Amino acid sequence: WPGVGLIMCYDDGMLKMLKDEVDIQPPEGFPEDQNAVPEDVAMFRVGPKMGFRSGNGKAFLEWYSSVLIRHGKEVLAEAAKAVEKTGQAYPADKFCFSAKVSGLHWHVTHPSRATEACAGYNCCTSETADAYMEIAKMLAAASTAAKRPILFNFTCMEMTNDGCSGVPHALSAPEDLIAQVRKAAIFHQVPLAGENALEFDLGTGEAAFRQIGKQIRSFSPGLDMMHGLTLLRLSDNFVKPASLQQLARFVMA
């Protein structure tokens, strides 16, 4: 934070997959410094010809994202098999899976969506590229195969678009990102769950609780309300009287 990170595909296995499946090598121009911002990186720089939307750059990023989606599908399939092997009856309405999806909220307002792109979330190679739609689609299919719900568990619930105003070059927009995820979950009828991105003092966290309440939409009877909430993280501070009192007020609101 707030750098774009690095592409993680240079081990022998990933390079072989790339060659076998797309028949290209990792293109030049990707970040070499994980703390770089998009305009420092040739592949993500905005201009007449943007590397992330053409040629091998586009082909690579689409493949890179597809590997992540495929991996998620395979992990969930193995989880379903593991449940079956126990020989126990776990009713679908009592036992579900949850897939944690990272909330990479910085550089969301840059055309390259570079931080997400480096992590394998493709929202940049075309006008319609939407990693969260693809993730939700995969979770819906995995849920059908597993015969039980799979939650799309997203983060950033306590964050606001102006919360990173002290770091303007981060181009952060967590509220916009949650809205994109919610739309994907609704479209593919995948239950959405959430958590806070950063630990906060519960006793003095009224503003964070207010934002979380807004995002979980407990007031809504529709598909946009969330099905679960995780509060990070359990510590001595979490169980102080002032913290538990504030938590009780939040739960009862």
Protein backbone atom coordinates (compact mmCIF):
# COMPACT_ATOMS: atom_id res chain seq x y z
CA TRP A 1 0.00 0.00 0.00
CA PRO A 2 -0.33 2.13 -1.98
CA GLY A 3 1.88 0.39 -4.53
CA VAL A 4 0.50 -1.85 -7.26
CA GLY A 5 2.38 -4.96 -6.15
CA LEU A 6 4.00 -7.52 -8.43
CA ILE A 7 2.93 -10.13 -10.96
CA MET A 8 3.41 -13.59 -9.45
CA CYS A 9 3.88 -16.01 -12.35
CA TYR A 10 7.58 -16.60 -12.79
CA ASP A 11 8.00 -20.05 -11.25
CA ASP A 12 8.53 -22.98 -13.61
CA GLY A 13 5.00 -24.31 -13.22
CA MET A 14 3.28 -21.02 -14.06
CA LEU A 15 5.59 -20.36 -16.99
CA LYS A 16 4.82 -23.81 -18.40
CA MET A 17 1.07 -23.23 -17.99
CA LEU A 18 1.38 -19.89 -19.76
CA LYS A 19 3.29 -21.44 -22.65
CA ASP A 20 0.96 -24.43 -22.97
CA GLU A 21 -2.29 -22.48 -22.70
CA VAL A 22 -1.59 -19.14 -24.39
CA ASP A 23 1.77 -19.77 -26.10
CA ILE A 24 3.36 -16.51 -24.94
CA GLN A 25 5.99 -15.43 -22.45
CA PRO A 26 5.27 -12.88 -19.71
CA PRO A 27 5.40 -9.57 -21.59
CA GLU A 28 7.78 -6.81 -20.64
CA GLY A 29 6.60 -3.69 -18.86
CA PHE A 30 5.17 -5.13 -15.67
CA PRO A 31 6.21 -3.59 -12.32
CA GLU A 32 9.59 -4.42 -10.87
CA ASP A 33 8.97 -2.35 -7.73
CA GLN A 34 5.94 -3.39 -5.67
CA ASN A 35 5.61 0.18 -4.38
CA ALA A 36 5.24 1.68 -7.86
CA VAL A 37 2.08 3.51 -8.91
CA PRO A 38 0.40 2.76 -12.26
CA GLU A 39 1.91 5.69 -14.16
CA ASP A 40 5.40 4.49 -13.15
CA VAL A 41 4.77 1.17 -14.89
CA ALA A 42 4.92 0.89 -18.70
CA MET A 43 2.23 -1.79 -18.87
CA PHE A 44 -0.26 0.25 -16.83
CA ARG A 45 0.51 3.76 -18.09
CA VAL A 46 -2.40 5.55 -19.75
CA GLY A 47 -1.78 6.69 -23.31
CA PRO A 48 -2.76 6.20 -26.95
CA LYS A 49 -1.78 2.53 -26.79
CA MET A 50 -2.29 1.02 -23.35
CA GLY A 51 -0.39 -2.23 -22.83
CA PHE A 52 -3.02 -3.75 -20.57
CA ARG A 53 -5.68 -3.48 -23.31
CA SER A 54 -3.77 -4.77 -26.32
CA GLY A 55 -1.42 -7.47 -27.57
CA ASN A 56 0.39 -9.80 -25.22
CA GLY A 57 -0.33 -7.58 -22.21
CA LYS A 58 -4.06 -8.09 -22.62
CA ALA A 59 -3.66 -11.79 -23.41
CA PHE A 60 -1.45 -12.33 -20.38
CA LEU A 61 -3.73 -10.53 -17.90
CA GLU A 62 -6.79 -12.42 -19.10
CA TRP A 63 -4.94 -15.72 -18.74
CA TYR A 64 -3.55 -14.72 -15.32
CA SER A 65 -7.06 -13.98 -14.06
CA SER A 66 -8.47 -17.20 -15.51
CA VAL A 67 -5.90 -19.20 -13.54
CA LEU A 68 -7.10 -17.61 -10.30
CA ILE A 69 -10.75 -18.37 -11.13
CA ARG A 70 -9.91 -21.95 -12.05
CA HIS A 71 -7.93 -22.41 -8.84
CA GLY A 72 -10.85 -21.18 -6.76
CA LYS A 73 -13.21 -23.60 -8.48
CA GLU A 74 -10.84 -26.52 -7.88
CA VAL A 75 -10.32 -25.67 -4.19
CA LEU A 76 -14.07 -25.49 -3.60
CA ALA A 77 -14.58 -28.81 -5.38
CA GLU A 78 -12.00 -30.41 -3.09
CA ALA A 79 -13.72 -28.89 -0.06
CA ALA A 80 -17.02 -30.41 -1.15
CA LYS A 81 -15.35 -33.82 -1.58
CA ALA A 82 -13.81 -33.55 1.88
CA VAL A 83 -17.22 -32.93 3.42
CA GLU A 84 -18.65 -35.95 1.61
CA LYS A 85 -15.80 -38.17 2.80
CA THR A 86 -16.66 -37.52 6.45
CA GLY A 87 -19.80 -39.56 5.96
CA GLN A 88 -21.68 -37.06 8.08
CA ALA A 89 -24.88 -35.33 7.06
CA TYR A 90 -24.31 -31.58 6.90
CA PRO A 91 -27.60 -30.00 5.76
CA ALA A 92 -27.11 -27.27 3.18
CA ASP A 93 -29.16 -24.84 5.27
CA LYS A 94 -26.88 -25.42 8.26
CA PHE A 95 -23.43 -25.66 6.67
CA CYS A 96 -22.04 -23.52 3.87
CA PHE A 97 -18.69 -22.56 2.38
CA SER A 98 -17.25 -19.06 2.29
CA ALA A 99 -14.73 -17.76 -0.25
CA LYS A 100 -12.64 -14.85 0.98
CA VAL A 101 -11.99 -12.28 -1.77
CA SER A 102 -9.50 -9.53 -1.03
CA GLY A 103 -10.63 -5.91 -1.25
CA LEU A 104 -7.86 -4.26 -3.25
CA HIS A 105 -9.34 -0.79 -3.10
CA TRP A 106 -6.38 1.30 -4.21
CA HIS A 107 -5.93 2.41 -7.83
CA VAL A 108 -9.56 1.42 -8.43
CA THR A 109 -10.10 4.79 -10.10
CA HIS A 110 -7.16 4.33 -12.48
CA PRO A 111 -8.09 2.83 -15.90
CA SER A 112 -5.59 0.00 -15.43
CA ARG A 113 -6.96 -1.12 -12.03
CA ALA A 114 -3.30 -2.08 -11.63
CA THR A 115 -3.32 -3.33 -8.04
CA GLU A 116 -6.14 -5.72 -8.83
CA ALA A 117 -4.53 -6.73 -12.13
CA CYS A 118 -1.28 -7.70 -10.39
CA ALA A 119 -3.28 -9.87 -7.97
CA GLY A 120 -5.12 -11.62 -10.80
CA TYR A 121 -8.36 -9.64 -10.75
CA ASN A 122 -8.96 -8.50 -14.32
CA CYS A 123 -11.03 -5.31 -14.49
CA CYS A 124 -8.94 -3.62 -17.15
CA THR A 125 -8.43 -5.49 -20.43
CA SER A 126 -11.69 -4.26 -21.94
CA GLU A 127 -14.61 -2.00 -21.16
CA THR A 128 -16.56 -4.99 -19.89
CA ALA A 129 -13.81 -6.83 -17.97
CA ASP A 130 -15.13 -7.47 -14.46
CA ALA A 131 -13.23 -9.86 -12.19
CA TYR A 132 -15.97 -9.84 -9.58
CA MET A 133 -18.62 -10.94 -12.08
CA GLU A 134 -16.31 -13.82 -13.03
CA ILE A 135 -15.69 -14.75 -9.39
CA ALA A 136 -19.42 -14.64 -8.60
CA LYS A 137 -20.18 -16.74 -11.67
CA MET A 138 -17.63 -19.32 -10.53
CA LEU A 139 -19.04 -19.36 -6.98
CA ALA A 140 -22.56 -19.89 -8.32
CA ALA A 141 -21.41 -22.86 -10.40
CA ALA A 142 -19.38 -24.28 -7.50
CA SER A 143 -22.39 -23.89 -5.22
CA THR A 144 -24.57 -25.87 -7.61
CA ALA A 145 -21.96 -28.63 -7.81
CA ALA A 146 -21.46 -28.72 -4.02
CA LYS A 147 -25.23 -28.57 -3.38
CA ARG A 148 -24.75 -25.96 -0.66
CA PRO A 149 -24.42 -22.17 -0.47
CA ILE A 150 -21.04 -20.52 -1.02
CA LEU A 151 -20.69 -17.01 0.34
CA PHE A 152 -18.84 -14.28 -1.54
CA ASN A 153 -16.94 -12.90 1.46
CA PHE A 154 -15.62 -9.41 0.75
CA THR A 155 -13.81 -6.84 2.85
CA CYS A 156 -13.52 -3.01 3.24
CA MET A 157 -16.91 -2.78 4.99
CA GLU A 158 -15.83 0.01 7.34
CA MET A 159 -14.00 2.07 4.71
CA THR A 160 -15.21 5.17 2.87
CA ASN A 161 -14.09 6.69 -0.42
CA ASP A 162 -12.70 9.74 1.39
CA GLY A 163 -11.01 7.71 4.12
CA CYS A 164 -7.70 7.73 2.25
CA SER A 165 -7.83 11.41 1.36
CA GLY A 166 -4.44 11.83 3.03
CA VAL A 167 -2.95 9.63 0.31
CA PRO A 168 -4.56 11.03 -2.86
CA HIS A 169 -2.22 9.18 -5.21
CA ALA A 170 -3.67 5.88 -3.89
CA LEU A 171 -6.80 6.51 -6.04
CA SER A 172 -8.75 4.53 -3.46
CA ALA A 173 -12.50 3.89 -3.76
CA PRO A 174 -13.61 1.08 -1.43
CA GLU A 175 -17.29 2.05 -1.51
CA ASP A 176 -17.32 1.90 -5.31
CA LEU A 177 -15.59 -1.47 -5.16
CA ILE A 178 -18.15 -2.91 -2.72
CA ALA A 179 -20.93 -1.68 -5.01
CA GLN A 180 -19.32 -3.52 -7.93
CA VAL A 181 -19.06 -6.70 -5.86
CA ARG A 182 -22.65 -6.40 -4.64
CA LYS A 183 -23.89 -6.04 -8.21
CA ALA A 184 -21.99 -9.19 -9.22
CA ALA A 185 -23.35 -11.16 -6.27
CA ILE A 186 -26.92 -10.10 -7.02
CA PHE A 187 -26.57 -10.86 -10.74
CA HIS A 188 -25.35 -14.41 -10.09
CA GLN A 189 -27.52 -14.93 -6.99
CA VAL A 190 -24.55 -15.55 -4.71
CA PRO A 191 -24.99 -14.65 -1.02
CA LEU A 192 -22.68 -11.81 0.02
CA ALA A 193 -20.84 -11.58 3.34
CA GLY A 194 -18.38 -8.98 4.58
CA GLU A 195 -15.71 -7.97 7.03
CA ASN A 196 -13.73 -4.93 8.01
CA ALA A 197 -10.38 -4.44 6.29
CA LEU A 198 -8.49 -3.06 9.28
CA GLU A 199 -8.79 -3.65 12.98
CA PHE A 200 -10.32 -0.69 14.83
CA ASP A 201 -11.03 0.19 18.45
CA LEU A 202 -14.58 -1.03 18.97
CA GLY A 203 -15.06 1.21 21.98
CA THR A 204 -14.51 4.37 19.95
CA GLY A 205 -15.48 2.93 16.57
CA GLU A 206 -18.91 4.45 16.18
CA ALA A 207 -18.09 5.84 12.71
CA ALA A 208 -16.77 2.46 11.53
CA PHE A 209 -19.86 0.68 12.87
CA ARG A 210 -22.09 3.22 11.16
CA GLN A 211 -20.38 2.57 7.80
CA ILE A 212 -20.54 -1.20 8.28
CA GLY A 213 -24.24 -0.90 9.07
CA LYS A 214 -24.72 1.01 5.84
CA GLN A 215 -22.93 -1.66 3.83
CA ILE A 216 -24.54 -4.75 5.33
CA ARG A 217 -27.96 -3.17 4.62
CA SER A 218 -29.78 -4.84 7.47
CA PHE A 219 -32.69 -2.58 6.54
CA SER A 220 -33.15 -4.26 3.18
CA PRO A 221 -35.43 -7.23 2.45
CA GLY A 222 -33.79 -7.74 -0.93
CA LEU A 223 -30.87 -9.62 -2.43
CA ASP A 224 -28.55 -6.71 -1.64
CA MET A 225 -28.44 -7.38 2.10
CA MET A 226 -25.47 -9.30 3.47
CA HIS A 227 -25.69 -12.80 4.90
CA GLY A 228 -22.82 -12.58 7.36
CA LEU A 229 -20.32 -10.25 9.00
CA THR A 230 -16.87 -10.91 10.45
CA LEU A 231 -15.32 -8.36 12.81
CA LEU A 232 -11.53 -8.30 12.90
CA ARG A 233 -10.03 -9.24 15.19
CA LEU A 234 -10.35 -11.00 18.54
CA SER A 235 -7.94 -9.47 21.07
CA ASP A 236 -7.87 -8.18 24.64
CA ASN A 237 -9.14 -4.85 23.34
CA PHE A 238 -12.10 -6.56 21.66
CA VAL A 239 -13.49 -7.82 24.99
CA LYS A 240 -13.09 -4.63 27.00
CA PRO A 241 -16.39 -3.41 28.50
CA ALA A 242 -16.49 -0.29 26.30
CA SER A 243 -15.93 -2.43 23.20
CA LEU A 244 -18.64 -4.93 24.09
CA GLN A 245 -21.08 -2.12 24.87
CA GLN A 246 -20.48 -0.53 21.46
CA LEU A 247 -20.80 -3.93 19.79
CA ALA A 248 -24.09 -4.56 21.60
CA ARG A 249 -25.47 -1.24 20.39
CA PHE A 250 -24.48 -2.14 16.83
CA VAL A 251 -26.09 -5.59 16.98
CA MET A 252 -29.32 -4.23 18.49
CA ALA A 253 -29.64 -1.31 16.04
